[in-house]
């Protein structure tokens, strides 16, 4: 799943979280770190500066998905 160029971040995040929640109901387990990394890895290039800022300023391993 990748973010589309014209997609709003809120819409993409909502879609991704819907998939994650569906997978969790099927027994899959995910940490916030795994979800955070997936979100940052699949954003479009226009969010690169935000991803870098997050990676530099926060410990992604302990960051909650809501952050």
Protein backbone atom coordinates (compact mmCIF):
# COMPACT_ATOMS: atom_id res chain seq x y z
CA UNK A 1 0.00 0.00 0.00
CA UNK A 2 1.44 3.33 -1.09
CA UNK A 3 0.15 6.83 -0.72
CA UNK A 4 -1.09 8.30 -4.00
CA UNK A 5 0.32 11.65 -5.13
CA UNK A 6 -3.03 13.43 -4.88
CA UNK A 7 -4.20 11.70 -1.70
CA UNK A 8 -4.59 13.65 1.54
CA UNK A 9 -2.49 12.41 4.45
CA UNK A 10 -5.55 12.00 6.69
CA UNK A 11 -7.29 9.86 4.07
CA UNK A 12 -4.21 7.70 3.55
CA UNK A 13 -3.67 7.23 7.28
CA UNK A 14 -7.31 6.32 7.79
CA UNK A 15 -7.18 3.78 4.96
CA UNK A 16 -3.96 2.26 6.32
CA UNK A 17 -5.35 2.02 9.86
CA UNK A 18 -8.50 0.33 8.54
CA UNK A 19 -6.33 -2.34 6.92
CA UNK A 20 -4.23 -2.71 10.08
CA UNK A 21 -7.35 -3.11 12.23
CA UNK A 22 -8.80 -5.70 9.83
CA UNK A 23 -5.55 -7.65 9.99
CA UNK A 24 -5.54 -7.45 13.79
CA UNK A 25 -9.03 -8.97 13.91
CA UNK A 26 -7.62 -11.86 11.87
CA UNK A 27 -4.95 -12.46 14.51
CA UNK A 28 -2.01 -10.42 13.17
CA UNK A 29 -0.01 -8.45 15.69
CA UNK A 30 1.68 -5.13 15.00
CA UNK A 31 3.69 -2.79 17.18
CA UNK A 32 3.34 0.98 16.94
CA UNK A 33 6.92 0.98 15.64
CA UNK A 34 5.99 -1.28 12.72
CA UNK A 35 3.01 0.88 11.83
CA UNK A 36 5.01 4.11 12.16
CA UNK A 37 7.74 2.77 9.92
CA UNK A 38 5.19 1.61 7.34
CA UNK A 39 3.53 5.02 7.27
CA UNK A 40 6.84 6.87 6.90
CA UNK A 41 8.12 4.43 4.27
CA UNK A 42 5.04 4.73 2.07
CA UNK A 43 4.41 8.48 2.08
CA UNK A 44 4.97 10.40 -1.13
CA UNK A 45 8.24 12.28 -1.62
CA UNK A 46 6.63 15.61 -0.72
CA UNK A 47 6.66 14.40 2.91
CA UNK A 48 10.36 13.46 2.94
CA UNK A 49 11.34 16.49 5.01
CA UNK A 50 8.72 15.59 7.63
CA UNK A 51 9.88 11.97 7.80
CA UNK A 52 13.48 13.10 8.28
CA UNK A 53 12.46 15.56 11.00
CA UNK A 54 10.51 12.84 12.83
CA UNK A 55 13.39 10.37 12.57
CA UNK A 56 15.87 12.95 13.83
CA UNK A 57 13.80 14.29 16.71
CA UNK A 58 11.97 11.22 18.02
CA UNK A 59 12.73 7.62 18.85
CA UNK A 60 10.44 5.82 16.39
CA UNK A 61 10.64 2.67 18.53
CA UNK A 62 8.82 4.37 21.39
CA UNK A 63 6.64 6.78 19.41
CA UNK A 64 2.92 6.08 19.59
CA UNK A 65 0.99 5.88 16.32
CA UNK A 66 -1.19 8.81 17.41
CA UNK A 67 1.87 11.08 17.47
